[in-house]
Amino acid sequence: EATLDLAERRRIRSAIRELQRQELERDEETLASKRFRPERSNQRQDNKENWPQSQRLEEEQQAALAALSEQLEAITSVEELTKLLRAAGEYEERKLIRAAIRKLRAKEIEAATLAGNVQSSR
């Protein structure tokens, strides 16, 4: 409501600012408690009926990733790996392929460095 007393207006404004500050602190505390909530174990999160199925799917995925890893070891072309990377759908597959590309490029750089050292020593 309207008041003509300036001192009263200042008190009202400072009280409003204090309430807003307290509300912001409460909101920040709420966010922090949600953000750092301890994670539940996967077994408790999964429905008990679906747990064996999810366990089996995870094992199948791990086996597929192991097979892919062996396949990537045999590939010696960055272009082939890039094609595989573009065709890959799963994050873990792309992660493995990118690691293989980095490894192959590191070998190529090392070979080029060695060849350069051999050339300079002659």
C-alpha atoms as a PDB file:
ATOM      1  CA  GLU A   1       0.000   0.000   0.000  1.00  0.00           C
ATOM      2  CA  ALA A   2       1.019   3.596  -0.479  1.00  0.00           C
ATOM      3  CA  THR A   3       2.928   5.330   2.281  1.00  0.00           C
ATOM      4  CA  LEU A   4       4.488   8.760   2.251  1.00  0.00           C
ATOM      5  CA  ASP A   5       7.066   8.073   4.974  1.00  0.00           C
ATOM      6  CA  LEU A   6      10.434   7.416   3.221  1.00  0.00           C
ATOM      7  CA  ALA A   7      11.942   5.603   6.209  1.00  0.00           C
ATOM      8  CA  GLU A   8       9.010   3.191   6.238  1.00  0.00           C
ATOM      9  CA  ARG A   9       9.401   2.615   2.501  1.00  0.00           C
ATOM     10  CA  ARG A  10      13.099   1.782   3.013  1.00  0.00           C
ATOM     11  CA  ARG A  11      12.245  -0.699   5.778  1.00  0.00           C
ATOM     12  CA  ILE A  12       9.622  -2.332   3.572  1.00  0.00           C
ATOM     13  CA  ARG A  13      12.023  -2.582   0.615  1.00  0.00           C
ATOM     14  CA  SER A  14      14.804  -4.030   2.778  1.00  0.00           C
ATOM     15  CA  ALA A  15      12.354  -6.549   4.285  1.00  0.00           C
ATOM     16  CA  ILE A  16      11.278  -7.581   0.769  1.00  0.00           C
ATOM     17  CA  ARG A  17      14.923  -7.940  -0.324  1.00  0.00           C
ATOM     18  CA  GLU A  18      15.676 -10.045   2.764  1.00  0.00           C
ATOM     19  CA  LEU A  19      12.710 -12.333   2.036  1.00  0.00           C
ATOM     20  CA  GLN A  20      13.839 -12.707  -1.584  1.00  0.00           C
ATOM     21  CA  ARG A  21      17.390 -13.509  -0.462  1.00  0.00           C
ATOM     22  CA  GLN A  22      16.110 -16.156   1.967  1.00  0.00           C
ATOM     23  CA  GLU A  23      13.949 -17.667  -0.746  1.00  0.00           C
ATOM     24  CA  LEU A  24      16.936 -17.841  -3.123  1.00  0.00           C
ATOM     25  CA  GLU A  25      19.046 -19.545  -0.446  1.00  0.00           C
ATOM     26  CA  ARG A  26      16.307 -22.120   0.138  1.00  0.00           C
ATOM     27  CA  ASP A  27      16.059 -22.760  -3.601  1.00  0.00           C
ATOM     28  CA  GLU A  28      19.840 -23.190  -3.851  1.00  0.00           C
ATOM     29  CA  GLU A  29      19.843 -25.614  -0.925  1.00  0.00           C
ATOM     30  CA  THR A  30      17.052 -27.609  -2.534  1.00  0.00           C
ATOM     31  CA  LEU A  31      18.929 -27.775  -5.831  1.00  0.00           C
ATOM     32  CA  ALA A  32      22.143 -28.781  -4.100  1.00  0.00           C
ATOM     33  CA  SER A  33      20.414 -31.571  -2.212  1.00  0.00           C
ATOM     34  CA  LYS A  34      18.888 -32.873  -5.452  1.00  0.00           C
ATOM     35  CA  ARG A  35      22.132 -32.526  -7.400  1.00  0.00           C
ATOM     36  CA  PHE A  36      24.292 -34.421  -4.924  1.00  0.00           C
ATOM     37  CA  ARG A  37      21.825 -37.089  -3.963  1.00  0.00           C
ATOM     38  CA  PRO A  38      23.593 -40.451  -3.623  1.00  0.00           C
ATOM     39  CA  GLU A  39      22.917 -42.745  -6.531  1.00  0.00           C
ATOM     40  CA  ARG A  40      20.919 -45.841  -5.908  1.00  0.00           C
ATOM     41  CA  SER A  41      22.300 -49.177  -6.911  1.00  0.00           C
ATOM     42  CA  ASN A  42      21.100 -50.492 -10.254  1.00  0.00           C
ATOM     43  CA  GLN A  43      19.605 -53.560  -8.628  1.00  0.00           C
ATOM     44  CA  ARG A  44      17.225 -51.516  -6.511  1.00  0.00           C
ATOM     45  CA  GLN A  45      16.245 -49.236  -9.383  1.00  0.00           C
ATOM     46  CA  ASP A  46      15.402 -52.021 -11.779  1.00  0.00           C
ATOM     47  CA  ASN A  47      12.132 -53.779 -11.512  1.00  0.00           C
ATOM     48  CA  LYS A  48      12.807 -57.179  -9.957  1.00  0.00           C
ATOM     49  CA  GLU A  49      11.126 -58.930 -12.864  1.00  0.00           C
ATOM     50  CA  ASN A  50      13.235 -57.078 -15.441  1.00  0.00           C
ATOM     51  CA  TRP A  51      16.549 -57.332 -13.637  1.00  0.00           C
ATOM     52  CA  PRO A  52      17.641 -60.689 -15.138  1.00  0.00           C
ATOM     53  CA  GLN A  53      16.747 -59.372 -18.591  1.00  0.00           C
ATOM     54  CA  SER A  54      18.724 -56.152 -18.110  1.00  0.00           C
ATOM     55  CA  GLN A  55      21.645 -58.181 -16.715  1.00  0.00           C
ATOM     56  CA  ARG A  56      21.563 -60.406 -19.796  1.00  0.00           C
ATOM     57  CA  LEU A  57      21.395 -57.392 -22.136  1.00  0.00           C
ATOM     58  CA  GLU A  58      24.364 -55.811 -20.409  1.00  0.00           C
ATOM     59  CA  GLU A  59      26.377 -59.017 -20.731  1.00  0.00           C
ATOM     60  CA  GLU A  60      25.477 -59.246 -24.427  1.00  0.00           C
ATOM     61  CA  GLN A  61      26.547 -55.643 -24.933  1.00  0.00           C
ATOM     62  CA  GLN A  62      29.869 -56.298 -23.192  1.00  0.00           C
ATOM     63  CA  ALA A  63      30.456 -59.335 -25.409  1.00  0.00           C
ATOM     64  CA  ALA A  64      29.637 -57.322 -28.541  1.00  0.00           C
ATOM     65  CA  LEU A  65      32.034 -54.563 -27.442  1.00  0.00           C
ATOM     66  CA  ALA A  66      34.794 -57.113 -26.838  1.00  0.00           C
ATOM     67  CA  ALA A  67      34.247 -58.552 -30.323  1.00  0.00           C
ATOM     68  CA  LEU A  68      34.302 -55.056 -31.811  1.00  0.00           C
ATOM     69  CA  SER A  69      37.525 -54.290 -29.979  1.00  0.00           C
ATOM     70  CA  GLU A  70      39.180 -57.380 -31.486  1.00  0.00           C
ATOM     71  CA  GLN A  71      37.875 -56.405 -34.928  1.00  0.00           C
ATOM     72  CA  LEU A  72      39.281 -52.883 -34.540  1.00  0.00           C
ATOM     73  CA  GLU A  73      42.737 -54.234 -33.701  1.00  0.00           C
ATOM     74  CA  ALA A  74      42.871 -55.877 -37.140  1.00  0.00           C
ATOM     75  CA  ILE A  75      41.975 -52.688 -39.053  1.00  0.00           C
ATOM     76  CA  THR A  76      44.966 -50.603 -40.135  1.00  0.00           C
ATOM     77  CA  SER A  77      43.225 -47.873 -42.123  1.00  0.00           C
ATOM     78  CA  VAL A  78      41.935 -44.638 -40.613  1.00  0.00           C
ATOM     79  CA  GLU A  79      39.436 -44.362 -43.489  1.00  0.00           C
ATOM     80  CA  GLU A  80      37.907 -47.744 -42.623  1.00  0.00           C
ATOM     81  CA  LEU A  81      37.675 -46.790 -38.975  1.00  0.00           C
ATOM     82  CA  THR A  82      36.057 -43.477 -39.910  1.00  0.00           C
ATOM     83  CA  LYS A  83      33.434 -45.326 -41.965  1.00  0.00           C
ATOM     84  CA  LEU A  84      32.746 -47.606 -38.994  1.00  0.00           C
ATOM     85  CA  LEU A  85      32.497 -44.581 -36.725  1.00  0.00           C
ATOM     86  CA  ARG A  86      29.888 -42.952 -38.943  1.00  0.00           C
ATOM     87  CA  ALA A  87      27.871 -46.180 -39.078  1.00  0.00           C
ATOM     88  CA  ALA A  88      28.068 -46.872 -35.333  1.00  0.00           C
ATOM     89  CA  GLY A  89      24.945 -46.163 -33.344  1.00  0.00           C
ATOM     90  CA  GLU A  90      25.921 -46.785 -29.737  1.00  0.00           C
ATOM     91  CA  TYR A  91      28.042 -44.423 -27.669  1.00  0.00           C
ATOM     92  CA  GLU A  92      30.320 -47.191 -26.393  1.00  0.00           C
ATOM     93  CA  GLU A  93      30.974 -48.408 -29.951  1.00  0.00           C
ATOM     94  CA  ARG A  94      31.885 -44.899 -31.097  1.00  0.00           C
ATOM     95  CA  LYS A  95      34.110 -44.512 -28.053  1.00  0.00           C
ATOM     96  CA  LEU A  96      36.048 -47.689 -28.928  1.00  0.00           C
ATOM     97  CA  ILE A  97      36.372 -46.697 -32.584  1.00  0.00           C
ATOM     98  CA  ARG A  98      37.624 -43.205 -31.699  1.00  0.00           C
ATOM     99  CA  ALA A  99      40.219 -44.758 -29.383  1.00  0.00           C
ATOM    100  CA  ALA A 100      41.337 -47.076 -32.213  1.00  0.00           C
ATOM    101  CA  ILE A 101      41.631 -44.095 -34.578  1.00  0.00           C
ATOM    102  CA  ARG A 102      43.737 -42.184 -32.041  1.00  0.00           C
ATOM    103  CA  LYS A 103      45.948 -45.219 -31.514  1.00  0.00           C
ATOM    104  CA  LEU A 104      46.421 -45.725 -35.267  1.00  0.00           C
ATOM    105  CA  ARG A 105      47.222 -42.038 -35.836  1.00  0.00           C
ATOM    106  CA  ALA A 106      49.739 -42.125 -32.988  1.00  0.00           C
ATOM    107  CA  LYS A 107      51.442 -45.106 -34.660  1.00  0.00           C
ATOM    108  CA  GLU A 108      51.492 -43.247 -37.993  1.00  0.00           C
ATOM    109  CA  ILE A 109      53.031 -40.169 -36.358  1.00  0.00           C
ATOM    110  CA  GLU A 110      55.606 -42.314 -34.590  1.00  0.00           C
ATOM    111  CA  ALA A 111      56.493 -44.072 -37.846  1.00  0.00           C
ATOM    112  CA  ALA A 112      56.808 -40.734 -39.658  1.00  0.00           C
ATOM    113  CA  THR A 113      59.006 -39.385 -36.879  1.00  0.00           C
ATOM    114  CA  LEU A 114      61.253 -42.422 -37.031  1.00  0.00           C
ATOM    115  CA  ALA A 115      61.458 -42.161 -40.808  1.00  0.00           C
ATOM    116  CA  GLY A 116      62.367 -38.499 -40.476  1.00  0.00           C
ATOM    117  CA  ASN A 117      65.082 -39.332 -37.955  1.00  0.00           C
ATOM    118  CA  VAL A 118      66.503 -42.008 -40.272  1.00  0.00           C
ATOM    119  CA  GLN A 119      66.539 -39.547 -43.185  1.00  0.00           C
ATOM    120  CA  SER A 120      68.280 -36.861 -41.142  1.00  0.00           C
ATOM    121  CA  SER A 121      70.932 -39.260 -39.847  1.00  0.00           C
ATOM    122  CA  ARG A 122      71.888 -40.278 -43.399  1.00  0.00           C
END
